């Protein structure tokens, strides 16, 4: 309801905007499971700034991007930076740290 992304939207997405992204699967027998995480939109200038001022954070973002691309086969625009290691991570059995859903 608070997203600027909807059919017919004329909102302009800009560098520096943060977005909560949700994975809410609709699978019979698995009600209530979901994953939420955060990405930031970053143009080339903001990316350079992050890389220079926060090199460890930049390295974590790039490691997550590599994982998303090479392991999960999720292609992100260069302008989308994952803010944490839980982007596209869904643990359907709540506190069970040994099980996660994987798409092959």
PDB file of N, CA and C in Angstrom:
ATOM      1  N   UNK A   1       0.805  -1.189   0.000  1.00  0.00           N
ATOM      2  CA  UNK A   1       0.000   0.000   0.000  1.00  0.00           C
ATOM      3  C   UNK A   1       0.850   1.256   0.000  1.00  0.00           C
ATOM      4  N   UNK A   2       2.091   1.164   0.502  1.00  0.00           N
ATOM      5  CA  UNK A   2       2.944   2.336   0.535  1.00  0.00           C
ATOM      6  C   UNK A   2       3.971   2.317  -0.596  1.00  0.00           C
ATOM      7  N   UNK A   3       3.866   1.365  -1.485  1.00  0.00           N
ATOM      8  CA  UNK A   3       4.842   1.230  -2.557  1.00  0.00           C
ATOM      9  C   UNK A   3       4.529   2.165  -3.720  1.00  0.00           C
ATOM     10  N   UNK A   4       5.575   2.778  -4.301  1.00  0.00           N
ATOM     11  CA  UNK A   4       5.353   3.590  -5.494  1.00  0.00           C
ATOM     12  C   UNK A   4       5.278   2.732  -6.758  1.00  0.00           C
ATOM     13  N   UNK A   5       5.409   1.426  -6.614  1.00  0.00           N
ATOM     14  CA  UNK A   5       5.381   0.517  -7.753  1.00  0.00           C
ATOM     15  C   UNK A   5       3.999  -0.122  -7.821  1.00  0.00           C
ATOM     16  N   UNK A   6       3.205   0.315  -8.779  1.00  0.00           N
ATOM     17  CA  UNK A   6       1.868  -0.239  -8.978  1.00  0.00           C
ATOM     18  C   UNK A   6       1.439   0.086 -10.405  1.00  0.00           C
ATOM     19  N   UNK A   7       0.465  -0.635 -10.873  1.00  0.00           N
ATOM     20  CA  UNK A   7      -0.006  -0.443 -12.244  1.00  0.00           C
ATOM     21  C   UNK A   7      -0.440   1.006 -12.460  1.00  0.00           C
ATOM     22  N   UNK A   8       0.091   1.626 -13.495  1.00  0.00           N
ATOM     23  CA  UNK A   8      -0.259   2.994 -13.839  1.00  0.00           C
ATOM     24  C   UNK A   8       0.502   4.054 -13.052  1.00  0.00           C
ATOM     25  N   UNK A   9       1.445   3.645 -12.209  1.00  0.00           N
ATOM     26  CA  UNK A   9       2.194   4.605 -11.394  1.00  0.00           C
ATOM     27  C   UNK A   9       3.022   5.546 -12.264  1.00  0.00           C
ATOM     28  N   UNK A  10       3.078   6.791 -11.851  1.00  0.00           N
ATOM     29  CA  UNK A  10       3.934   7.775 -12.521  1.00  0.00           C
ATOM     30  C   UNK A  10       5.044   8.235 -11.586  1.00  0.00           C
ATOM     31  N   UNK A  11       5.179   7.551 -10.440  1.00  0.00           N
ATOM     32  CA  UNK A  11       6.218   7.898  -9.474  1.00  0.00           C
ATOM     33  C   UNK A  11       7.590   7.652 -10.078  1.00  0.00           C
ATOM     34  N   UNK A  12       8.541   8.486  -9.735  1.00  0.00           N
ATOM     35  CA  UNK A  12       9.908   8.357 -10.238  1.00  0.00           C
ATOM     36  C   UNK A  12      10.780   7.774  -9.133  1.00  0.00           C
ATOM     37  N   UNK A  13      11.425   6.665  -9.435  1.00  0.00           N
ATOM     38  CA  UNK A  13      12.340   6.045  -8.481  1.00  0.00           C
ATOM     39  C   UNK A  13      13.703   6.708  -8.644  1.00  0.00           C
ATOM     40  N   UNK A  14      14.339   7.044  -7.512  1.00  0.00           N
ATOM     41  CA  UNK A  14      15.592   7.788  -7.555  1.00  0.00           C
ATOM     42  C   UNK A  14      16.679   7.093  -6.757  1.00  0.00           C
ATOM     43  N   UNK A  15      17.906   7.408  -7.109  1.00  0.00           N
ATOM     44  CA  UNK A  15      19.058   6.910  -6.379  1.00  0.00           C
ATOM     45  C   UNK A  15      18.955   7.313  -4.914  1.00  0.00           C
ATOM     46  N   UNK A  16      19.279   6.372  -4.037  1.00  0.00           N
ATOM     47  CA  UNK A  16      19.223   6.625  -2.606  1.00  0.00           C
ATOM     48  C   UNK A  16      17.951   6.136  -1.949  1.00  0.00           C
ATOM     49  N   UNK A  17      16.969   5.742  -2.759  1.00  0.00           N
ATOM     50  CA  UNK A  17      15.713   5.251  -2.183  1.00  0.00           C
ATOM     51  C   UNK A  17      15.897   3.826  -1.674  1.00  0.00           C
ATOM     52  N   UNK A  18      15.377   3.568  -0.482  1.00  0.00           N
ATOM     53  CA  UNK A  18      15.382   2.237   0.121  1.00  0.00           C
ATOM     54  C   UNK A  18      14.037   1.581  -0.113  1.00  0.00           C
ATOM     55  N   UNK A  19      14.071   0.272  -0.328  1.00  0.00           N
ATOM     56  CA  UNK A  19      12.835  -0.481  -0.504  1.00  0.00           C
ATOM     57  C   UNK A  19      12.875  -1.752   0.317  1.00  0.00           C
ATOM     58  N   UNK A  20      11.777  -2.005   1.005  1.00  0.00           N
ATOM     59  CA  UNK A  20      11.588  -3.306   1.626  1.00  0.00           C
ATOM     60  C   UNK A  20      11.008  -4.202   0.550  1.00  0.00           C
ATOM     61  N   UNK A  21      11.611  -5.351   0.378  1.00  0.00           N
ATOM     62  CA  UNK A  21      11.079  -6.302  -0.589  1.00  0.00           C
ATOM     63  C   UNK A  21      10.581  -7.526   0.158  1.00  0.00           C
ATOM     64  N   UNK A  22       9.505  -8.088  -0.315  1.00  0.00           N
ATOM     65  CA  UNK A  22       8.884  -9.221   0.351  1.00  0.00           C
ATOM     66  C   UNK A  22       8.770 -10.406  -0.594  1.00  0.00           C
ATOM     67  N   UNK A  23       8.981 -11.572  -0.051  1.00  0.00           N
ATOM     68  CA  UNK A  23       8.664 -12.819  -0.733  1.00  0.00           C
ATOM     69  C   UNK A  23       7.540 -13.432   0.087  1.00  0.00           C
ATOM     70  N   UNK A  24       6.368 -13.528  -0.505  1.00  0.00           N
ATOM     71  CA  UNK A  24       5.221 -14.096   0.205  1.00  0.00           C
ATOM     72  C   UNK A  24       4.643 -15.204  -0.677  1.00  0.00           C
ATOM     73  N   UNK A  25       5.184 -16.411  -0.528  1.00  0.00           N
ATOM     74  CA  UNK A  25       4.707 -17.497  -1.382  1.00  0.00           C
ATOM     75  C   UNK A  25       3.267 -17.873  -1.062  1.00  0.00           C
ATOM     76  N   UNK A  26       2.582 -18.286  -2.072  1.00  0.00           N
ATOM     77  CA  UNK A  26       1.204 -18.731  -1.908  1.00  0.00           C
ATOM     78  C   UNK A  26       1.161 -20.208  -2.277  1.00  0.00           C
ATOM     79  N   UNK A  27       1.466 -21.027  -1.306  1.00  0.00           N
ATOM     80  CA  UNK A  27       1.510 -22.468  -1.512  1.00  0.00           C
ATOM     81  C   UNK A  27       0.581 -23.115  -0.493  1.00  0.00           C
ATOM     82  N   UNK A  28      -0.315 -23.916  -0.969  1.00  0.00           N
ATOM     83  CA  UNK A  28      -1.252 -24.598  -0.090  1.00  0.00           C
ATOM     84  C   UNK A  28      -0.492 -25.374   0.981  1.00  0.00           C
ATOM     85  N   UNK A  29      -0.896 -25.198   2.232  1.00  0.00           N
ATOM     86  CA  UNK A  29      -0.249 -25.909   3.332  1.00  0.00           C
ATOM     87  C   UNK A  29       0.853 -25.119   4.005  1.00  0.00           C
ATOM     88  N   UNK A  30       1.226 -23.966   3.461  1.00  0.00           N
ATOM     89  CA  UNK A  30       2.295 -23.157   4.045  1.00  0.00           C
ATOM     90  C   UNK A  30       1.818 -21.726   4.284  1.00  0.00           C
ATOM     91  N   UNK A  31       0.770 -21.545   5.053  1.00  0.00           N
ATOM     92  CA  UNK A  31       0.279 -20.180   5.271  1.00  0.00           C
ATOM     93  C   UNK A  31       1.208 -19.400   6.204  1.00  0.00           C
ATOM     94  N   UNK A  32       1.324 -18.117   5.963  1.00  0.00           N
ATOM     95  CA  UNK A  32       2.021 -17.240   6.883  1.00  0.00           C
ATOM     96  C   UNK A  32       3.516 -17.157   6.737  1.00  0.00           C
ATOM     97  N   UNK A  33       4.109 -17.917   5.850  1.00  0.00           N
ATOM     98  CA  UNK A  33       5.554 -17.832   5.702  1.00  0.00           C
ATOM     99  C   UNK A  33       5.896 -16.688   4.755  1.00  0.00           C
ATOM    100  N   UNK A  34       6.935 -15.955   5.083  1.00  0.00           N
ATOM    101  CA  UNK A  34       7.354 -14.866   4.212  1.00  0.00           C
ATOM    102  C   UNK A  34       8.784 -14.470   4.539  1.00  0.00           C
ATOM    103  N   UNK A  35       9.356 -13.690   3.666  1.00  0.00           N
ATOM    104  CA  UNK A  35      10.704 -13.170   3.874  1.00  0.00           C
ATOM    105  C   UNK A  35      10.679 -11.696   3.520  1.00  0.00           C
ATOM    106  N   UNK A  36      11.307 -10.904   4.340  1.00  0.00           N
ATOM    107  CA  UNK A  36      11.392  -9.478   4.079  1.00  0.00           C
ATOM    108  C   UNK A  36      12.851  -9.060   4.160  1.00  0.00           C
ATOM    109  N   UNK A  37      13.231  -8.145   3.296  1.00  0.00           N
ATOM    110  CA  UNK A  37      14.599  -7.650   3.323  1.00  0.00           C
ATOM    111  C   UNK A  37      14.633  -6.282   2.663  1.00  0.00           C
ATOM    112  N   UNK A  38      15.819  -5.742   2.477  1.00  0.00           N
ATOM    113  CA  UNK A  38      15.947  -4.371   2.013  1.00  0.00           C
ATOM    114  C   UNK A  38      16.956  -4.265   0.884  1.00  0.00           C
ATOM    115  N   UNK A  39      16.618  -3.429  -0.094  1.00  0.00           N
ATOM    116  CA  UNK A  39      17.547  -3.062  -1.161  1.00  0.00           C
ATOM    117  C   UNK A  39      17.567  -1.537  -1.258  1.00  0.00           C
ATOM    118  N   UNK A  40      18.632  -1.015  -1.848  1.00  0.00           N
ATOM    119  CA  UNK A  40      18.733   0.421  -2.082  1.00  0.00           C
ATOM    120  C   UNK A  40      18.991   0.641  -3.565  1.00  0.00           C
ATOM    121  N   UNK A  41      18.392   1.671  -4.111  1.00  0.00           N
ATOM    122  CA  UNK A  41      18.689   2.064  -5.485  1.00  0.00           C
ATOM    123  C   UNK A  41      19.898   2.994  -5.435  1.00  0.00           C
ATOM    124  N   UNK A  42      20.886   2.725  -6.271  1.00  0.00           N
ATOM    125  CA  UNK A  42      22.115   3.523  -6.227  1.00  0.00           C
ATOM    126  C   UNK A  42      22.655   3.731  -7.633  1.00  0.00           C
ATOM    127  N   UNK A  43      22.740   4.993  -8.039  1.00  0.00           N
ATOM    128  CA  UNK A  43      23.353   5.305  -9.326  1.00  0.00           C
ATOM    129  C   UNK A  43      24.872   5.177  -9.181  1.00  0.00           C
ATOM    130  N   UNK A  44      25.594   5.398 -10.264  1.00  0.00           N
ATOM    131  CA  UNK A  44      27.051   5.213 -10.260  1.00  0.00           C
ATOM    132  C   UNK A  44      27.728   6.084  -9.201  1.00  0.00           C
ATOM    133  N   UNK A  45      27.270   7.306  -9.029  1.00  0.00           N
ATOM    134  CA  UNK A  45      27.871   8.207  -8.040  1.00  0.00           C
ATOM    135  C   UNK A  45      27.676   7.698  -6.623  1.00  0.00           C
ATOM    136  N   UNK A  46      26.473   7.274  -6.280  1.00  0.00           N
ATOM    137  CA  UNK A  46      26.220   6.737  -4.941  1.00  0.00           C
ATOM    138  C   UNK A  46      26.998   5.440  -4.736  1.00  0.00           C
ATOM    139  N   UNK A  47      27.098   4.620  -5.760  1.00  0.00           N
ATOM    140  CA  UNK A  47      27.886   3.393  -5.638  1.00  0.00           C
ATOM    141  C   UNK A  47      29.350   3.714  -5.343  1.00  0.00           C
ATOM    142  N   UNK A  48      29.910   4.696  -6.030  1.00  0.00           N
ATOM    143  CA  UNK A  48      31.300   5.110  -5.763  1.00  0.00           C
ATOM    144  C   UNK A  48      31.446   5.615  -4.331  1.00  0.00           C
ATOM    145  N   UNK A  49      30.484   6.384  -3.886  1.00  0.00           N
ATOM    146  CA  UNK A  49      30.530   6.924  -2.531  1.00  0.00           C
ATOM    147  C   UNK A  49      30.491   5.796  -1.494  1.00  0.00           C
ATOM    148  N   UNK A  50      29.594   4.854  -1.672  1.00  0.00           N
ATOM    149  CA  UNK A  50      29.517   3.718  -0.746  1.00  0.00           C
ATOM    150  C   UNK A  50      30.830   2.941  -0.759  1.00  0.00           C
ATOM    151  N   UNK A  51      31.340   2.677  -1.949  1.00  0.00           N
ATOM    152  CA  UNK A  51      32.577   1.910  -2.075  1.00  0.00           C
ATOM    153  C   UNK A  51      33.744   2.607  -1.373  1.00  0.00           C
ATOM    154  N   UNK A  52      33.825   3.914  -1.482  1.00  0.00           N
ATOM    155  CA  UNK A  52      34.930   4.665  -0.878  1.00  0.00           C
ATOM    156  C   UNK A  52      34.756   4.854   0.626  1.00  0.00           C
ATOM    157  N   UNK A  53      33.540   5.202   1.055  1.00  0.00           N
ATOM    158  CA  UNK A  53      33.321   5.534   2.460  1.00  0.00           C
ATOM    159  C   UNK A  53      32.986   4.332   3.336  1.00  0.00           C
ATOM    160  N   UNK A  54      32.445   3.287   2.727  1.00  0.00           N
ATOM    161  CA  UNK A  54      32.031   2.096   3.475  1.00  0.00           C
ATOM    162  C   UNK A  54      32.479   0.833   2.730  1.00  0.00           C
ATOM    163  N   UNK A  55      33.795   0.632   2.599  1.00  0.00           N
ATOM    164  CA  UNK A  55      34.276  -0.486   1.775  1.00  0.00           C
ATOM    165  C   UNK A  55      33.840  -1.861   2.264  1.00  0.00           C
ATOM    166  N   UNK A  56      33.721  -2.066   3.558  1.00  0.00           N
ATOM    167  CA  UNK A  56      33.282  -3.375   4.055  1.00  0.00           C
ATOM    168  C   UNK A  56      31.813  -3.627   3.684  1.00  0.00           C
ATOM    169  N   UNK A  57      30.982  -2.605   3.805  1.00  0.00           N
ATOM    170  CA  UNK A  57      29.589  -2.750   3.411  1.00  0.00           C
ATOM    171  C   UNK A  57      29.496  -3.030   1.912  1.00  0.00           C
ATOM    172  N   UNK A  58      30.293  -2.323   1.112  1.00  0.00           N
ATOM    173  CA  UNK A  58      30.307  -2.530  -0.333  1.00  0.00           C
ATOM    174  C   UNK A  58      30.680  -3.980  -0.659  1.00  0.00           C
ATOM    175  N   UNK A  59      31.682  -4.511   0.040  1.00  0.00           N
ATOM    176  CA  UNK A  59      32.103  -5.896  -0.201  1.00  0.00           C
ATOM    177  C   UNK A  59      30.979  -6.874   0.137  1.00  0.00           C
ATOM    178  N   UNK A  60      30.250  -6.627   1.228  1.00  0.00           N
ATOM    179  CA  UNK A  60      29.128  -7.505   1.587  1.00  0.00           C
ATOM    180  C   UNK A  60      28.029  -7.431   0.528  1.00  0.00           C
ATOM    181  N   UNK A  61      27.759  -6.230   0.035  1.00  0.00           N
ATOM    182  CA  UNK A  61      26.745  -6.071  -1.006  1.00  0.00           C
ATOM    183  C   UNK A  61      27.138  -6.836  -2.262  1.00  0.00           C
ATOM    184  N   UNK A  62      28.395  -6.757  -2.633  1.00  0.00           N
ATOM    185  CA  UNK A  62      28.857  -7.434  -3.840  1.00  0.00           C
ATOM    186  C   UNK A  62      28.860  -8.954  -3.663  1.00  0.00           C
ATOM    187  N   UNK A  63      29.203  -9.413  -2.468  1.00  0.00           N
ATOM    188  CA  UNK A  63      29.161 -10.856  -2.193  1.00  0.00           C
ATOM    189  C   UNK A  63      27.722 -11.362  -2.293  1.00  0.00           C
ATOM    190  N   UNK A  64      26.771 -10.592  -1.770  1.00  0.00           N
ATOM    191  CA  UNK A  64      25.370 -11.006  -1.840  1.00  0.00           C
ATOM    192  C   UNK A  64      24.879 -10.972  -3.280  1.00  0.00           C
ATOM    193  N   UNK A  65      25.298  -9.957  -4.031  1.00  0.00           N
ATOM    194  CA  UNK A  65      24.920  -9.857  -5.449  1.00  0.00           C
ATOM    195  C   UNK A  65      25.422 -11.092  -6.204  1.00  0.00           C
ATOM    196  N   UNK A  66      26.649 -11.496  -5.941  1.00  0.00           N
ATOM    197  CA  UNK A  66      27.222 -12.673  -6.588  1.00  0.00           C
ATOM    198  C   UNK A  66      26.414 -13.918  -6.239  1.00  0.00           C
ATOM    199  N   UNK A  67      26.055 -14.068  -4.965  1.00  0.00           N
ATOM    200  CA  UNK A  67      25.255 -15.208  -4.538  1.00  0.00           C
ATOM    201  C   UNK A  67      23.897 -15.212  -5.234  1.00  0.00           C
ATOM    202  N   UNK A  68      23.244 -14.056  -5.279  1.00  0.00           N
ATOM    203  CA  UNK A  68      21.935 -13.967  -5.936  1.00  0.00           C
ATOM    204  C   UNK A  68      22.039 -14.368  -7.403  1.00  0.00           C
ATOM    205  N   UNK A  69      23.077 -13.899  -8.054  1.00  0.00           N
ATOM    206  CA  UNK A  69      23.242 -14.153  -9.487  1.00  0.00           C
ATOM    207  C   UNK A  69      23.677 -15.591  -9.768  1.00  0.00           C
ATOM    208  N   UNK A  70      24.716 -16.041  -9.107  1.00  0.00           N
ATOM    209  CA  UNK A  70      25.320 -17.331  -9.443  1.00  0.00           C
ATOM    210  C   UNK A  70      24.636 -18.528  -8.794  1.00  0.00           C
ATOM    211  N   UNK A  71      24.097 -18.356  -7.607  1.00  0.00           N
ATOM    212  CA  UNK A  71      23.475 -19.479  -6.908  1.00  0.00           C
ATOM    213  C   UNK A  71      21.966 -19.517  -7.118  1.00  0.00           C
ATOM    214  N   UNK A  72      21.329 -18.363  -6.977  1.00  0.00           N
ATOM    215  CA  UNK A  72      19.867 -18.324  -7.084  1.00  0.00           C
ATOM    216  C   UNK A  72      19.370 -17.958  -8.470  1.00  0.00           C
ATOM    217  N   UNK A  73      20.279 -17.575  -9.357  1.00  0.00           N
ATOM    218  CA  UNK A  73      19.937 -17.185 -10.725  1.00  0.00           C
ATOM    219  C   UNK A  73      18.951 -16.009 -10.758  1.00  0.00           C
ATOM    220  N   UNK A  74      19.158 -15.051  -9.857  1.00  0.00           N
ATOM    221  CA  UNK A  74      18.361 -13.823  -9.817  1.00  0.00           C
ATOM    222  C   UNK A  74      19.239 -12.705 -10.367  1.00  0.00           C
ATOM    223  N   UNK A  75      18.800 -12.120 -11.443  1.00  0.00           N
ATOM    224  CA  UNK A  75      19.561 -11.049 -12.078  1.00  0.00           C
ATOM    225  C   UNK A  75      19.050  -9.699 -11.578  1.00  0.00           C
ATOM    226  N   UNK A  76      19.923  -8.923 -10.951  1.00  0.00           N
ATOM    227  CA  UNK A  76      19.561  -7.599 -10.468  1.00  0.00           C
ATOM    228  C   UNK A  76      20.111  -6.532 -11.397  1.00  0.00           C
ATOM    229  N   UNK A  77      19.376  -5.463 -11.545  1.00  0.00           N
ATOM    230  CA  UNK A  77      19.906  -4.295 -12.234  1.00  0.00           C
ATOM    231  C   UNK A  77      21.138  -3.816 -11.466  1.00  0.00           C
ATOM    232  N   UNK A  78      22.089  -3.247 -12.157  1.00  0.00           N
ATOM    233  CA  UNK A  78      23.284  -2.728 -11.503  1.00  0.00           C
ATOM    234  C   UNK A  78      22.940  -1.640 -10.493  1.00  0.00           C
ATOM    235  N   UNK A  79      21.776  -1.020 -10.629  1.00  0.00           N
ATOM    236  CA  UNK A  79      21.354   0.061  -9.736  1.00  0.00           C
ATOM    237  C   UNK A  79      20.728  -0.441  -8.440  1.00  0.00           C
ATOM    238  N   UNK A  80      20.533  -1.745  -8.306  1.00  0.00           N
ATOM    239  CA  UNK A  80      19.894  -2.308  -7.114  1.00  0.00           C
ATOM    240  C   UNK A  80      20.956  -2.999  -6.266  1.00  0.00           C
ATOM    241  N   UNK A  81      21.117  -2.507  -5.029  1.00  0.00           N
ATOM    242  CA  UNK A  81      22.114  -3.081  -4.125  1.00  0.00           C
ATOM    243  C   UNK A  81      21.418  -3.779  -2.965  1.00  0.00           C
ATOM    244  N   UNK A  82      21.725  -5.062  -2.736  1.00  0.00           N
ATOM    245  CA  UNK A  82      21.165  -5.753  -1.576  1.00  0.00           C
ATOM    246  C   UNK A  82      21.793  -5.210  -0.301  1.00  0.00           C
ATOM    247  N   UNK A  83      20.962  -4.864   0.659  1.00  0.00           N
ATOM    248  CA  UNK A  83      21.449  -4.252   1.894  1.00  0.00           C
ATOM    249  C   UNK A  83      21.841  -5.268   2.976  1.00  0.00           C
ATOM    250  N   UNK A  84      21.427  -6.512   2.830  1.00  0.00           N
ATOM    251  CA  UNK A  84      21.775  -7.492   3.850  1.00  0.00           C
ATOM    252  C   UNK A  84      21.776  -8.899   3.254  1.00  0.00           C
ATOM    253  N   UNK A  85      22.185  -9.849   4.053  1.00  0.00           N
ATOM    254  CA  UNK A  85      22.346 -11.216   3.554  1.00  0.00           C
ATOM    255  C   UNK A  85      21.032 -11.982   3.462  1.00  0.00           C
ATOM    256  N   UNK A  86      19.934 -11.372   3.840  1.00  0.00           N
ATOM    257  CA  UNK A  86      18.658 -12.079   3.785  1.00  0.00           C
ATOM    258  C   UNK A  86      17.837 -11.752   2.541  1.00  0.00           C
ATOM    259  N   UNK A  87      18.382 -10.994   1.606  1.00  0.00           N
ATOM    260  CA  UNK A  87      17.666 -10.724   0.365  1.00  0.00           C
ATOM    261  C   UNK A  87      17.467 -12.052  -0.362  1.00  0.00           C
ATOM    262  N   UNK A  88      16.220 -12.380  -0.687  1.00  0.00           N
ATOM    263  CA  UNK A  88      15.837 -13.617  -1.383  1.00  0.00           C
ATOM    264  C   UNK A  88      16.098 -14.865  -0.543  1.00  0.00           C
ATOM    265  N   UNK A  89      16.062 -14.742   0.770  1.00  0.00           N
ATOM    266  CA  UNK A  89      16.259 -15.869   1.671  1.00  0.00           C
ATOM    267  C   UNK A  89      14.958 -16.138   2.405  1.00  0.00           C
ATOM    268  N   UNK A  90      14.459 -17.344   2.294  1.00  0.00           N
ATOM    269  CA  UNK A  90      13.207 -17.713   2.941  1.00  0.00           C
ATOM    270  C   UNK A  90      13.415 -18.969   3.781  1.00  0.00           C
ATOM    271  N   UNK A  91      13.175 -18.835   5.059  1.00  0.00           N
ATOM    272  CA  UNK A  91      13.245 -19.980   5.963  1.00  0.00           C
ATOM    273  C   UNK A  91      11.814 -20.320   6.379  1.00  0.00           C
ATOM    274  N   UNK A  92      11.197 -21.299   5.717  1.00  0.00           N
ATOM    275  CA  UNK A  92       9.772 -21.550   5.941  1.00  0.00           C
ATOM    276  C   UNK A  92       9.437 -22.176   7.288  1.00  0.00           C
ATOM    277  N   UNK A  93      10.419 -22.722   7.949  1.00  0.00           N
ATOM    278  CA  UNK A  93      10.138 -23.395   9.208  1.00  0.00           C
ATOM    279  C   UNK A  93      10.584 -22.550  10.393  1.00  0.00           C
ATOM    280  N   UNK A  94      10.358 -21.253  10.287  1.00  0.00           N
ATOM    281  CA  UNK A  94      10.600 -20.271  11.330  1.00  0.00           C
ATOM    282  C   UNK A  94      11.997 -20.353  11.928  1.00  0.00           C
ATOM    283  N   UNK A  95      12.136 -20.877  13.090  1.00  0.00           N
ATOM    284  CA  UNK A  95      13.427 -20.823  13.775  1.00  0.00           C
ATOM    285  C   UNK A  95      14.363 -21.975  13.431  1.00  0.00           C
ATOM    286  N   UNK A  96      13.970 -22.846  12.507  1.00  0.00           N
ATOM    287  CA  UNK A  96      14.834 -23.938  12.096  1.00  0.00           C
ATOM    288  C   UNK A  96      15.941 -23.378  11.208  1.00  0.00           C
ATOM    289  N   UNK A  97      17.129 -23.262  11.764  1.00  0.00           N
ATOM    290  CA  UNK A  97      18.249 -22.658  11.028  1.00  0.00           C
ATOM    291  C   UNK A  97      18.920 -23.624  10.062  1.00  0.00           C
ATOM    292  N   UNK A  98      18.458 -24.857  10.030  1.00  0.00           N
ATOM    293  CA  UNK A  98      19.070 -25.859   9.151  1.00  0.00           C
ATOM    294  C   UNK A  98      18.318 -26.026   7.831  1.00  0.00           C
ATOM    295  N   UNK A  99      17.155 -25.374   7.668  1.00  0.00           N
ATOM    296  CA  UNK A  99      16.358 -25.580   6.459  1.00  0.00           C
ATOM    297  C   UNK A  99      15.973 -24.250   5.829  1.00  0.00           C
ATOM    298  N   UNK A 100      16.154 -24.170   4.519  1.00  0.00           N
ATOM    299  CA  UNK A 100      15.719 -23.006   3.743  1.00  0.00           C
ATOM    300  C   UNK A 100      15.253 -23.525   2.393  1.00  0.00           C
ATOM    301  N   UNK A 101      14.417 -22.756   1.721  1.00  0.00           N
ATOM    302  CA  UNK A 101      13.973 -23.142   0.385  1.00  0.00           C
ATOM    303  C   UNK A 101      15.015 -22.758  -0.633  1.00  0.00           C
ATOM    304  N   UNK A 102      15.284 -23.658  -1.564  1.00  0.00           N
ATOM    305  CA  UNK A 102      16.260 -23.423  -2.631  1.00  0.00           C
ATOM    306  C   UNK A 102      15.621 -23.760  -3.951  1.00  0.00           C
ATOM    307  N   UNK A 103      15.750 -22.878  -4.919  1.00  0.00           N
ATOM    308  CA  UNK A 103      15.250 -23.146  -6.266  1.00  0.00           C
ATOM    309  C   UNK A 103      16.412 -23.607  -7.126  1.00  0.00           C
ATOM    310  N   UNK A 104      16.234 -24.693  -7.824  1.00  0.00           N
ATOM    311  CA  UNK A 104      17.304 -25.209  -8.681  1.00  0.00           C
ATOM    312  C   UNK A 104      16.885 -25.145 -10.126  1.00  0.00           C
TER     313      UNK A 104
END
